[in-house]
Amino acid sequence: MVASEVKSLASQTSKATEEIRAQIGAVQTTTDEAVGAIESIAMTISQINDISASIAASVEEQSAVTRDMSSNMHTAAHGVDVVTRNMGTIADSTGQVDAATRRVREASMALVA
């Protein structure tokens, strides 16, 4: 009887060992798949970081262009103000020249008369 029980236990141990091997194989396969997924995720994160850096550089470049445009527009607005003031001065001077011309003409007419 003892021999048959030992044989039965040996058979059960063999089956249990095979089941454990199968489970270990499944765990190893799942682990390999998880490692592959993690590597893929790491690669995707790296690509996202590269894209983010590129976007940040583009935004900085656009900001610099916008600052330059703002500065140029400020300079142009200042130039328009200067031209406007000069036009006012020219208009005043033209009025003074016109008045002086009339006085000279009147004086000339008075001399001729």
C-alpha atoms as a PDB file:
ATOM      1  CA  MET A   1       0.000   0.000   0.000  1.00  0.00           C
ATOM      2  CA  VAL A   2       2.774   2.368   0.839  1.00  0.00           C
ATOM      3  CA  ALA A   3       4.332   1.869  -2.589  1.00  0.00           C
ATOM      4  CA  SER A   4       1.083   2.754  -4.367  1.00  0.00           C
ATOM      5  CA  GLU A   5       0.679   5.853  -2.188  1.00  0.00           C
ATOM      6  CA  VAL A   6       4.262   6.873  -2.949  1.00  0.00           C
ATOM      7  CA  LYS A   7       3.598   6.263  -6.638  1.00  0.00           C
ATOM      8  CA  SER A   8       0.408   8.357  -6.420  1.00  0.00           C
ATOM      9  CA  LEU A   9       2.237  11.153  -4.587  1.00  0.00           C
ATOM     10  CA  ALA A  10       5.032  11.031  -7.167  1.00  0.00           C
ATOM     11  CA  SER A  11       2.449  11.312  -9.942  1.00  0.00           C
ATOM     12  CA  GLN A  12       0.746  14.255  -8.196  1.00  0.00           C
ATOM     13  CA  THR A  13       4.123  15.900  -7.611  1.00  0.00           C
ATOM     14  CA  SER A  14       4.970  15.450 -11.292  1.00  0.00           C
ATOM     15  CA  LYS A  15       1.640  17.011 -12.343  1.00  0.00           C
ATOM     16  CA  ALA A  16       2.088  19.870  -9.871  1.00  0.00           C
ATOM     17  CA  THR A  17       5.621  20.428 -11.152  1.00  0.00           C
ATOM     18  CA  GLU A  18       4.347  20.609 -14.751  1.00  0.00           C
ATOM     19  CA  GLU A  19       1.599  23.038 -13.728  1.00  0.00           C
ATOM     20  CA  ILE A  20       4.169  25.195 -11.919  1.00  0.00           C
ATOM     21  CA  ARG A  21       6.415  25.110 -15.022  1.00  0.00           C
ATOM     22  CA  ALA A  22       3.467  26.152 -17.189  1.00  0.00           C
ATOM     23  CA  GLN A  23       2.593  28.980 -14.789  1.00  0.00           C
ATOM     24  CA  ILE A  24       6.226  30.130 -14.673  1.00  0.00           C
ATOM     25  CA  GLY A  25       6.303  30.071 -18.496  1.00  0.00           C
ATOM     26  CA  ALA A  26       3.098  32.127 -18.603  1.00  0.00           C
ATOM     27  CA  VAL A  27       4.547  34.606 -16.088  1.00  0.00           C
ATOM     28  CA  GLN A  28       7.754  34.867 -18.152  1.00  0.00           C
ATOM     29  CA  THR A  29       5.754  35.441 -21.345  1.00  0.00           C
ATOM     30  CA  THR A  30       3.618  38.080 -19.645  1.00  0.00           C
ATOM     31  CA  THR A  31       6.749  39.698 -18.207  1.00  0.00           C
ATOM     32  CA  ASP A  32       8.374  39.793 -21.658  1.00  0.00           C
ATOM     33  CA  GLU A  33       5.223  41.389 -23.090  1.00  0.00           C
ATOM     34  CA  ALA A  34       5.173  43.928 -20.243  1.00  0.00           C
ATOM     35  CA  VAL A  35       8.839  44.781 -20.870  1.00  0.00           C
ATOM     36  CA  GLY A  36       8.068  45.269 -24.570  1.00  0.00           C
ATOM     37  CA  ALA A  37       5.109  47.502 -23.729  1.00  0.00           C
ATOM     38  CA  ILE A  38       7.202  49.551 -21.287  1.00  0.00           C
ATOM     39  CA  GLU A  39       9.944  49.981 -23.912  1.00  0.00           C
ATOM     40  CA  SER A  40       7.312  51.108 -26.423  1.00  0.00           C
ATOM     41  CA  ILE A  41       5.885  53.566 -23.893  1.00  0.00           C
ATOM     42  CA  ALA A  42       9.379  54.899 -23.143  1.00  0.00           C
ATOM     43  CA  MET A  43       9.993  55.403 -26.874  1.00  0.00           C
ATOM     44  CA  THR A  44       6.653  57.208 -27.255  1.00  0.00           C
ATOM     45  CA  ILE A  45       7.458  59.456 -24.281  1.00  0.00           C
ATOM     46  CA  SER A  46      10.834  60.255 -25.839  1.00  0.00           C
ATOM     47  CA  GLN A  47       9.138  61.182 -29.119  1.00  0.00           C
ATOM     48  CA  ILE A  48       6.632  63.352 -27.249  1.00  0.00           C
ATOM     49  CA  ASN A  49       9.519  65.086 -25.454  1.00  0.00           C
ATOM     50  CA  ASP A  50      11.202  65.769 -28.808  1.00  0.00           C
ATOM     51  CA  ILE A  51       7.966  67.162 -30.242  1.00  0.00           C
ATOM     52  CA  SER A  52       7.408  69.282 -27.117  1.00  0.00           C
ATOM     53  CA  ALA A  53      10.928  70.699 -27.389  1.00  0.00           C
ATOM     54  CA  SER A  54      10.331  71.516 -31.049  1.00  0.00           C
ATOM     55  CA  ILE A  55       7.037  73.226 -30.211  1.00  0.00           C
ATOM     56  CA  ALA A  56       8.691  75.201 -27.402  1.00  0.00           C
ATOM     57  CA  ALA A  57      11.426  76.358 -29.791  1.00  0.00           C
ATOM     58  CA  SER A  58       8.820  77.390 -32.370  1.00  0.00           C
ATOM     59  CA  VAL A  59       6.827  79.289 -29.748  1.00  0.00           C
ATOM     60  CA  GLU A  60       9.974  81.088 -28.578  1.00  0.00           C
ATOM     61  CA  GLU A  61      10.858  81.981 -32.176  1.00  0.00           C
ATOM     62  CA  GLN A  62       7.308  83.233 -32.783  1.00  0.00           C
ATOM     63  CA  SER A  63       7.505  85.295 -29.585  1.00  0.00           C
ATOM     64  CA  ALA A  64      10.748  86.876 -30.777  1.00  0.00           C
ATOM     65  CA  VAL A  65       9.177  87.713 -34.148  1.00  0.00           C
ATOM     66  CA  THR A  66       6.144  89.187 -32.389  1.00  0.00           C
ATOM     67  CA  ARG A  67       8.392  91.313 -30.151  1.00  0.00           C
ATOM     68  CA  ASP A  68      10.282  92.545 -33.237  1.00  0.00           C
ATOM     69  CA  MET A  69       7.026  93.367 -35.013  1.00  0.00           C
ATOM     70  CA  SER A  70       5.753  95.231 -31.960  1.00  0.00           C
ATOM     71  CA  SER A  71       8.977  97.211 -31.741  1.00  0.00           C
ATOM     72  CA  ASN A  72       8.852  98.014 -35.465  1.00  0.00           C
ATOM     73  CA  MET A  73       5.227  99.121 -35.201  1.00  0.00           C
ATOM     74  CA  HIS A  74       6.107 101.345 -32.238  1.00  0.00           C
ATOM     75  CA  THR A  75       8.943 102.866 -34.259  1.00  0.00           C
ATOM     76  CA  ALA A  76       6.613 103.375 -37.243  1.00  0.00           C
ATOM     77  CA  ALA A  77       3.966 104.994 -35.013  1.00  0.00           C
ATOM     78  CA  HIS A  78       6.618 107.343 -33.626  1.00  0.00           C
ATOM     79  CA  GLY A  79       7.658 108.166 -37.207  1.00  0.00           C
ATOM     80  CA  VAL A  80       4.042 108.942 -38.125  1.00  0.00           C
ATOM     81  CA  ASP A  81       3.796 111.253 -35.092  1.00  0.00           C
ATOM     82  CA  VAL A  82       6.964 113.078 -36.186  1.00  0.00           C
ATOM     83  CA  VAL A  83       5.678 113.425 -39.763  1.00  0.00           C
ATOM     84  CA  THR A  84       2.313 114.695 -38.475  1.00  0.00           C
ATOM     85  CA  ARG A  85       4.019 117.327 -36.308  1.00  0.00           C
ATOM     86  CA  ASN A  86       6.247 118.325 -39.234  1.00  0.00           C
ATOM     87  CA  MET A  87       3.208 118.634 -41.501  1.00  0.00           C
ATOM     88  CA  GLY A  88       1.644 120.982 -38.927  1.00  0.00           C
ATOM     89  CA  THR A  89       4.837 123.026 -38.845  1.00  0.00           C
ATOM     90  CA  ILE A  90       4.905 123.138 -42.659  1.00  0.00           C
ATOM     91  CA  ALA A  91       1.259 124.255 -42.720  1.00  0.00           C
ATOM     92  CA  ASP A  92       2.031 127.029 -40.211  1.00  0.00           C
ATOM     93  CA  SER A  93       5.102 128.071 -42.202  1.00  0.00           C
ATOM     94  CA  THR A  94       3.095 128.075 -45.430  1.00  0.00           C
ATOM     95  CA  GLY A  95       0.532 130.343 -43.777  1.00  0.00           C
ATOM     96  CA  GLN A  96       3.292 132.689 -42.625  1.00  0.00           C
ATOM     97  CA  VAL A  97       4.874 132.728 -46.108  1.00  0.00           C
ATOM     98  CA  ASP A  98       1.443 133.437 -47.628  1.00  0.00           C
ATOM     99  CA  ALA A  99       0.888 136.323 -45.207  1.00  0.00           C
ATOM    100  CA  ALA A 100       4.384 137.696 -45.893  1.00  0.00           C
ATOM    101  CA  THR A 101       3.809 137.395 -49.654  1.00  0.00           C
ATOM    102  CA  ARG A 102       0.573 139.395 -49.333  1.00  0.00           C
ATOM    103  CA  ARG A 103       2.337 142.069 -47.332  1.00  0.00           C
ATOM    104  CA  VAL A 104       5.137 142.268 -49.922  1.00  0.00           C
ATOM    105  CA  ARG A 105       2.553 142.464 -52.730  1.00  0.00           C
ATOM    106  CA  GLU A 106       0.613 145.158 -50.883  1.00  0.00           C
ATOM    107  CA  ALA A 107       3.833 147.060 -50.238  1.00  0.00           C
ATOM    108  CA  SER A 108       4.801 146.692 -53.914  1.00  0.00           C
ATOM    109  CA  MET A 109       1.379 147.913 -54.999  1.00  0.00           C
ATOM    110  CA  ALA A 110       1.693 150.860 -52.653  1.00  0.00           C
ATOM    111  CA  LEU A 111       5.076 151.763 -54.141  1.00  0.00           C
ATOM    112  CA  VAL A 112       3.766 151.486 -57.683  1.00  0.00           C
ATOM    113  CA  ALA A 113       0.710 153.589 -56.949  1.00  0.00           C
END
